[in-house]
C-alpha atoms as a PDB file:
ATOM      1  CA  UNK A   1     222.027 -65.701 144.141  1.00  0.00           C
ATOM      2  CA  UNK A   2     222.107 -62.635 141.855  1.00  0.00           C
ATOM      3  CA  UNK A   3     223.172 -64.732 138.845  1.00  0.00           C
ATOM      4  CA  UNK A   4     220.490 -67.341 139.584  1.00  0.00           C
ATOM      5  CA  UNK A   5     217.847 -64.591 139.831  1.00  0.00           C
ATOM      6  CA  UNK A   6     218.934 -63.180 136.459  1.00  0.00           C
ATOM      7  CA  UNK A   7     218.864 -66.657 134.869  1.00  0.00           C
ATOM      8  CA  UNK A   8     215.399 -67.334 136.319  1.00  0.00           C
ATOM      9  CA  UNK A   9     214.177 -63.872 135.262  1.00  0.00           C
ATOM     10  CA  UNK A  10     215.388 -64.192 131.655  1.00  0.00           C
ATOM     11  CA  UNK A  11     214.075 -67.757 131.375  1.00  0.00           C
ATOM     12  CA  UNK A  12     210.641 -66.845 132.742  1.00  0.00           C
ATOM     13  CA  UNK A  13     210.500 -63.737 130.543  1.00  0.00           C
ATOM     14  CA  UNK A  14     211.159 -65.928 127.494  1.00  0.00           C
ATOM     15  CA  UNK A  15     208.550 -68.511 128.507  1.00  0.00           C
ATOM     16  CA  UNK A  16     205.865 -65.995 129.529  1.00  0.00           C
ATOM     17  CA  UNK A  17     206.662 -63.796 126.503  1.00  0.00           C
ATOM     18  CA  UNK A  18     204.525 -60.724 127.282  1.00  0.00           C
ATOM     19  CA  UNK A  19     205.192 -59.488 123.727  1.00  0.00           C
ATOM     20  CA  UNK A  20     202.881 -62.253 122.470  1.00  0.00           C
ATOM     21  CA  UNK A  21     200.131 -60.933 124.759  1.00  0.00           C
ATOM     22  CA  UNK A  22     200.373 -57.366 123.484  1.00  0.00           C
ATOM     23  CA  UNK A  23     198.246 -57.807 120.304  1.00  0.00           C
ATOM     24  CA  UNK A  24     195.452 -59.462 122.329  1.00  0.00           C
ATOM     25  CA  UNK A  25     195.607 -56.702 124.954  1.00  0.00           C
ATOM     26  CA  UNK A  26     195.453 -54.028 122.238  1.00  0.00           C
ATOM     27  CA  UNK A  27     192.494 -55.761 120.584  1.00  0.00           C
ATOM     28  CA  UNK A  28     190.608 -55.871 123.883  1.00  0.00           C
ATOM     29  CA  UNK A  29     191.563 -52.609 125.545  1.00  0.00           C
ATOM     30  CA  UNK A  30     193.433 -50.499 122.978  1.00  0.00           C
ATOM     31  CA  UNK A  31     190.549 -48.029 122.630  1.00  0.00           C
ATOM     32  CA  UNK A  32     189.939 -47.704 126.367  1.00  0.00           C
ATOM     33  CA  UNK A  33     190.993 -44.671 128.393  1.00  0.00           C
ATOM     34  CA  UNK A  34     194.515 -44.737 129.826  1.00  0.00           C
ATOM     35  CA  UNK A  35     193.255 -45.344 133.368  1.00  0.00           C
ATOM     36  CA  UNK A  36     191.231 -48.342 132.185  1.00  0.00           C
ATOM     37  CA  UNK A  37     194.196 -49.791 130.264  1.00  0.00           C
ATOM     38  CA  UNK A  38     196.376 -49.439 133.362  1.00  0.00           C
ATOM     39  CA  UNK A  39     193.709 -51.144 135.497  1.00  0.00           C
ATOM     40  CA  UNK A  40     193.309 -54.068 133.072  1.00  0.00           C
ATOM     41  CA  UNK A  41     197.080 -54.484 132.684  1.00  0.00           C
ATOM     42  CA  UNK A  42     197.470 -54.551 136.480  1.00  0.00           C
ATOM     43  CA  UNK A  43     194.612 -57.065 136.913  1.00  0.00           C
ATOM     44  CA  UNK A  44     196.085 -59.427 134.312  1.00  0.00           C
ATOM     45  CA  UNK A  45     199.634 -59.268 135.699  1.00  0.00           C
ATOM     46  CA  UNK A  46     198.548 -59.508 139.340  1.00  0.00           C
ATOM     47  CA  UNK A  47     196.389 -62.576 138.583  1.00  0.00           C
ATOM     48  CA  UNK A  48     199.302 -64.210 136.730  1.00  0.00           C
ATOM     49  CA  UNK A  49     201.653 -63.352 139.606  1.00  0.00           C
ATOM     50  CA  UNK A  50     199.338 -64.899 142.220  1.00  0.00           C
ATOM     51  CA  UNK A  51     198.869 -68.046 140.136  1.00  0.00           C
ATOM     52  CA  UNK A  52     202.617 -68.546 139.602  1.00  0.00           C
ATOM     53  CA  UNK A  53     203.412 -67.873 143.273  1.00  0.00           C
ATOM     54  CA  UNK A  54     200.719 -70.356 144.337  1.00  0.00           C
ATOM     55  CA  UNK A  55     202.287 -73.050 142.136  1.00  0.00           C
ATOM     56  CA  UNK A  56     205.783 -72.134 143.376  1.00  0.00           C
ATOM     57  CA  UNK A  57     204.695 -72.853 146.946  1.00  0.00           C
ATOM     58  CA  UNK A  58     202.231 -75.698 146.426  1.00  0.00           C
ATOM     59  CA  UNK A  59     203.490 -77.240 143.150  1.00  0.00           C
ATOM     60  CA  UNK A  60     206.093 -79.478 144.846  1.00  0.00           C
ATOM     61  CA  UNK A  61     203.452 -80.579 147.361  1.00  0.00           C
ATOM     62  CA  UNK A  62     201.093 -81.495 144.522  1.00  0.00           C
ATOM     63  CA  UNK A  63     203.894 -83.462 142.826  1.00  0.00           C
ATOM     64  CA  UNK A  64     204.559 -85.384 146.058  1.00  0.00           C
ATOM     65  CA  UNK A  65     200.828 -85.974 146.508  1.00  0.00           C
ATOM     66  CA  UNK A  66     200.680 -87.695 143.109  1.00  0.00           C
ATOM     67  CA  UNK A  67     204.087 -89.389 143.611  1.00  0.00           C
ATOM     68  CA  UNK A  68     205.600 -87.532 140.647  1.00  0.00           C
ATOM     69  CA  UNK A  69     209.331 -86.847 140.812  1.00  0.00           C
ATOM     70  CA  UNK A  70     210.747 -83.436 139.915  1.00  0.00           C
ATOM     71  CA  UNK A  71     212.845 -85.215 137.263  1.00  0.00           C
ATOM     72  CA  UNK A  72     209.746 -86.623 135.546  1.00  0.00           C
ATOM     73  CA  UNK A  73     208.117 -83.198 135.819  1.00  0.00           C
ATOM     74  CA  UNK A  74     211.193 -81.659 134.167  1.00  0.00           C
ATOM     75  CA  UNK A  75     210.814 -83.976 131.159  1.00  0.00           C
ATOM     76  CA  UNK A  76     207.075 -83.264 130.861  1.00  0.00           C
ATOM     77  CA  UNK A  77     207.653 -79.530 131.308  1.00  0.00           C
ATOM     78  CA  UNK A  78     210.495 -79.596 128.794  1.00  0.00           C
ATOM     79  CA  UNK A  79     208.346 -81.299 126.151  1.00  0.00           C
ATOM     80  CA  UNK A  80     205.507 -78.841 126.822  1.00  0.00           C
ATOM     81  CA  UNK A  81     207.870 -75.849 126.526  1.00  0.00           C
ATOM     82  CA  UNK A  82     209.367 -77.249 123.336  1.00  0.00           C
ATOM     83  CA  UNK A  83     205.914 -77.544 121.733  1.00  0.00           C
ATOM     84  CA  UNK A  84     205.081 -74.010 122.911  1.00  0.00           C
ATOM     85  CA  UNK A  85     208.314 -72.656 121.434  1.00  0.00           C
ATOM     86  CA  UNK A  86     207.362 -73.919 117.960  1.00  0.00           C
ATOM     87  CA  UNK A  87     204.290 -71.653 117.989  1.00  0.00           C
ATOM     88  CA  UNK A  88     206.403 -68.681 119.085  1.00  0.00           C
ATOM     89  CA  UNK A  89     209.034 -69.355 116.416  1.00  0.00           C
ATOM     90  CA  UNK A  90     206.295 -69.487 113.765  1.00  0.00           C
ATOM     91  CA  UNK A  91     205.078 -66.118 115.091  1.00  0.00           C
ATOM     92  CA  UNK A  92     201.714 -67.491 116.180  1.00  0.00           C
ATOM     93  CA  UNK A  93     199.810 -67.538 119.437  1.00  0.00           C
ATOM     94  CA  UNK A  94     199.528 -71.116 120.678  1.00  0.00           C
ATOM     95  CA  UNK A  95     196.034 -72.582 120.232  1.00  0.00           C
ATOM     96  CA  UNK A  96     195.401 -72.473 123.993  1.00  0.00           C
ATOM     97  CA  UNK A  97     196.256 -68.774 123.994  1.00  0.00           C
ATOM     98  CA  UNK A  98     193.566 -67.546 121.593  1.00  0.00           C
ATOM     99  CA  UNK A  99     191.240 -65.064 123.239  1.00  0.00           C
ATOM    100  CA  UNK A 100     187.598 -66.033 123.689  1.00  0.00           C
ATOM    101  CA  UNK A 101     186.131 -62.959 125.402  1.00  0.00           C
ATOM    102  CA  UNK A 102     187.057 -59.568 126.760  1.00  0.00           C
ATOM    103  CA  UNK A 103     188.438 -60.125 130.231  1.00  0.00           C
ATOM    104  CA  UNK A 104     191.795 -58.983 131.588  1.00  0.00           C
ATOM    105  CA  UNK A 105     192.306 -61.963 133.907  1.00  0.00           C
ATOM    106  CA  UNK A 106     191.153 -64.590 131.397  1.00  0.00           C
ATOM    107  CA  UNK A 107     192.680 -65.064 128.837  1.00  0.00           C
ATOM    108  CA  UNK A 108     195.448 -62.466 129.337  1.00  0.00           C
ATOM    109  CA  UNK A 109     196.383 -63.183 132.980  1.00  0.00           C
ATOM    110  CA  UNK A 110     195.952 -66.877 132.354  1.00  0.00           C
ATOM    111  CA  UNK A 111     196.671 -68.708 130.098  1.00  0.00           C
ATOM    112  CA  UNK A 112     198.446 -65.928 128.124  1.00  0.00           C
ATOM    113  CA  UNK A 113     200.879 -64.881 130.849  1.00  0.00           C
ATOM    114  CA  UNK A 114     200.615 -67.696 133.389  1.00  0.00           C
ATOM    115  CA  UNK A 115     200.152 -70.683 131.111  1.00  0.00           C
ATOM    116  CA  UNK A 116     201.277 -74.297 131.557  1.00  0.00           C
ATOM    117  CA  UNK A 117     204.821 -73.493 130.401  1.00  0.00           C
ATOM    118  CA  UNK A 118     205.219 -70.652 132.908  1.00  0.00           C
ATOM    119  CA  UNK A 119     203.751 -72.769 135.711  1.00  0.00           C
ATOM    120  CA  UNK A 120     206.107 -75.671 134.914  1.00  0.00           C
ATOM    121  CA  UNK A 121     209.101 -73.330 134.809  1.00  0.00           C
ATOM    122  CA  UNK A 122     208.139 -71.635 138.103  1.00  0.00           C
ATOM    123  CA  UNK A 123     207.820 -75.001 139.872  1.00  0.00           C
ATOM    124  CA  UNK A 124     211.144 -76.180 138.446  1.00  0.00           C
ATOM    125  CA  UNK A 125     212.982 -72.977 139.467  1.00  0.00           C
ATOM    126  CA  UNK A 126     211.471 -73.000 142.961  1.00  0.00           C
ATOM    127  CA  UNK A 127     212.910 -76.483 143.439  1.00  0.00           C
ATOM    128  CA  UNK A 128     216.247 -75.658 141.806  1.00  0.00           C
ATOM    129  CA  UNK A 129     216.999 -72.075 142.864  1.00  0.00           C
ATOM    130  CA  UNK A 130     214.720 -71.734 145.893  1.00  0.00           C
ATOM    131  CA  UNK A 131     211.549 -69.796 146.622  1.00  0.00           C
ATOM    132  CA  UNK A 132     213.150 -66.380 147.241  1.00  0.00           C
ATOM    133  CA  UNK A 133     215.041 -66.359 143.922  1.00  0.00           C
ATOM    134  CA  UNK A 134     212.033 -67.594 141.944  1.00  0.00           C
ATOM    135  CA  UNK A 135     209.702 -65.147 143.695  1.00  0.00           C
ATOM    136  CA  UNK A 136     212.009 -62.243 142.772  1.00  0.00           C
ATOM    137  CA  UNK A 137     212.198 -63.449 139.147  1.00  0.00           C
ATOM    138  CA  UNK A 138     208.408 -63.844 138.854  1.00  0.00           C
ATOM    139  CA  UNK A 139     207.837 -60.400 140.410  1.00  0.00           C
ATOM    140  CA  UNK A 140     210.356 -58.833 138.008  1.00  0.00           C
ATOM    141  CA  UNK A 141     208.786 -60.472 134.956  1.00  0.00           C
ATOM    142  CA  UNK A 142     205.316 -59.317 136.025  1.00  0.00           C
ATOM    143  CA  UNK A 143     206.549 -55.720 136.412  1.00  0.00           C
ATOM    144  CA  UNK A 144     207.989 -55.864 132.879  1.00  0.00           C
ATOM    145  CA  UNK A 145     204.777 -57.496 131.609  1.00  0.00           C
ATOM    146  CA  UNK A 146     202.649 -54.770 133.220  1.00  0.00           C
ATOM    147  CA  UNK A 147     204.718 -52.043 131.550  1.00  0.00           C
ATOM    148  CA  UNK A 148     204.565 -53.775 128.148  1.00  0.00           C
ATOM    149  CA  UNK A 149     200.801 -54.314 128.314  1.00  0.00           C
ATOM    150  CA  UNK A 150     200.044 -50.851 129.676  1.00  0.00           C
ATOM    151  CA  UNK A 151     202.191 -49.182 126.999  1.00  0.00           C
ATOM    152  CA  UNK A 152     201.416 -51.785 124.320  1.00  0.00           C
ATOM    153  CA  UNK A 153     199.820 -49.270 121.951  1.00  0.00           C
ATOM    154  CA  UNK A 154     202.867 -46.980 121.954  1.00  0.00           C
ATOM    155  CA  UNK A 155     205.339 -49.900 121.792  1.00  0.00           C
ATOM    156  CA  UNK A 156     203.403 -51.491 118.934  1.00  0.00           C
ATOM    157  CA  UNK A 157     203.482 -48.241 116.961  1.00  0.00           C
ATOM    158  CA  UNK A 158     207.219 -47.796 117.640  1.00  0.00           C
ATOM    159  CA  UNK A 159     208.429 -51.268 116.682  1.00  0.00           C
ATOM    160  CA  UNK A 160     205.515 -52.291 114.452  1.00  0.00           C
ATOM    161  CA  UNK A 161     203.911 -55.695 113.972  1.00  0.00           C
ATOM    162  CA  UNK A 162     207.082 -57.064 112.399  1.00  0.00           C
ATOM    163  CA  UNK A 163     209.104 -55.960 115.428  1.00  0.00           C
ATOM    164  CA  UNK A 164     206.734 -57.797 117.767  1.00  0.00           C
ATOM    165  CA  UNK A 165     206.918 -60.908 115.541  1.00  0.00           C
ATOM    166  CA  UNK A 166     210.730 -60.835 115.578  1.00  0.00           C
ATOM    167  CA  UNK A 167     210.849 -60.478 119.383  1.00  0.00           C
ATOM    168  CA  UNK A 168     208.292 -63.287 119.779  1.00  0.00           C
ATOM    169  CA  UNK A 169     210.390 -65.563 117.548  1.00  0.00           C
ATOM    170  CA  UNK A 170     213.555 -64.801 119.531  1.00  0.00           C
ATOM    171  CA  UNK A 171     211.616 -65.587 122.734  1.00  0.00           C
ATOM    172  CA  UNK A 172     210.512 -68.834 121.071  1.00  0.00           C
ATOM    173  CA  UNK A 173     214.119 -69.776 120.381  1.00  0.00           C
ATOM    174  CA  UNK A 174     215.076 -69.053 124.009  1.00  0.00           C
ATOM    175  CA  UNK A 175     212.090 -71.115 125.182  1.00  0.00           C
ATOM    176  CA  UNK A 176     213.250 -74.029 123.001  1.00  0.00           C
ATOM    177  CA  UNK A 177     216.745 -73.813 124.541  1.00  0.00           C
ATOM    178  CA  UNK A 178     215.247 -73.833 128.062  1.00  0.00           C
ATOM    179  CA  UNK A 179     213.085 -76.839 127.114  1.00  0.00           C
ATOM    180  CA  UNK A 180     216.058 -78.834 125.809  1.00  0.00           C
ATOM    181  CA  UNK A 181     218.049 -77.889 128.916  1.00  0.00           C
ATOM    182  CA  UNK A 182     215.287 -79.211 131.202  1.00  0.00           C
ATOM    183  CA  UNK A 183     215.095 -82.498 129.308  1.00  0.00           C
ATOM    184  CA  UNK A 184     218.900 -82.779 129.237  1.00  0.00           C
ATOM    185  CA  UNK A 185     219.156 -82.276 133.034  1.00  0.00           C
ATOM    186  CA  UNK A 186     216.413 -84.819 133.643  1.00  0.00           C
ATOM    187  CA  UNK A 187     218.096 -87.423 131.419  1.00  0.00           C
ATOM    188  CA  UNK A 188     221.409 -86.757 133.189  1.00  0.00           C
ATOM    189  CA  UNK A 189     219.684 -87.269 136.564  1.00  0.00           C
ATOM    190  CA  UNK A 190     218.392 -90.623 135.314  1.00  0.00           C
ATOM    191  CA  UNK A 191     221.923 -91.532 134.163  1.00  0.00           C
ATOM    192  CA  UNK A 192     220.899 -91.805 130.495  1.00  0.00           C
ATOM    193  CA  UNK A 193     223.412 -89.160 129.408  1.00  0.00           C
ATOM    194  CA  UNK A 194     226.382 -87.433 131.021  1.00  0.00           C
ATOM    195  CA  UNK A 195     226.547 -83.643 131.040  1.00  0.00           C
END
């Protein structure tokens, strides 16, 4: 279970990529007082956590309701993650992640942190590794995300814009690997390929 939790944690961290949210958070709340930054970081991460947990528990039910198999969902999620990874690798925020207005929950909590890729991954892991493992991984990623957002100004000054771009591109590469893995497992389940 420990290894599965680590795998789920690293995978979700790559997909959620809180580093990509840091510039938006700084733009919105960088000049606020420390207490306000902490409050906004908590609101964004808590909203993302609740959304992901809700989909962990009710996602499979929704899939059954629409007669969608987990295998089909894996292919769709894999394609979605692969497209998302291209934006990360290019060092850009995906189009759906551009901020519209100053609110911690929207767009930072969702869709920046808890976007379609994160939701797909959370549903997949809850079905593969179980609810307890996925819950622990989501909670861990949100703790890391809170720290990164809350301390985003200091971190940004320490590693610079280029450092954030490099980390985002590495996360994009990891997201692409996860996407291919999902598609590969789905094709193997259908008997198209052997793994």
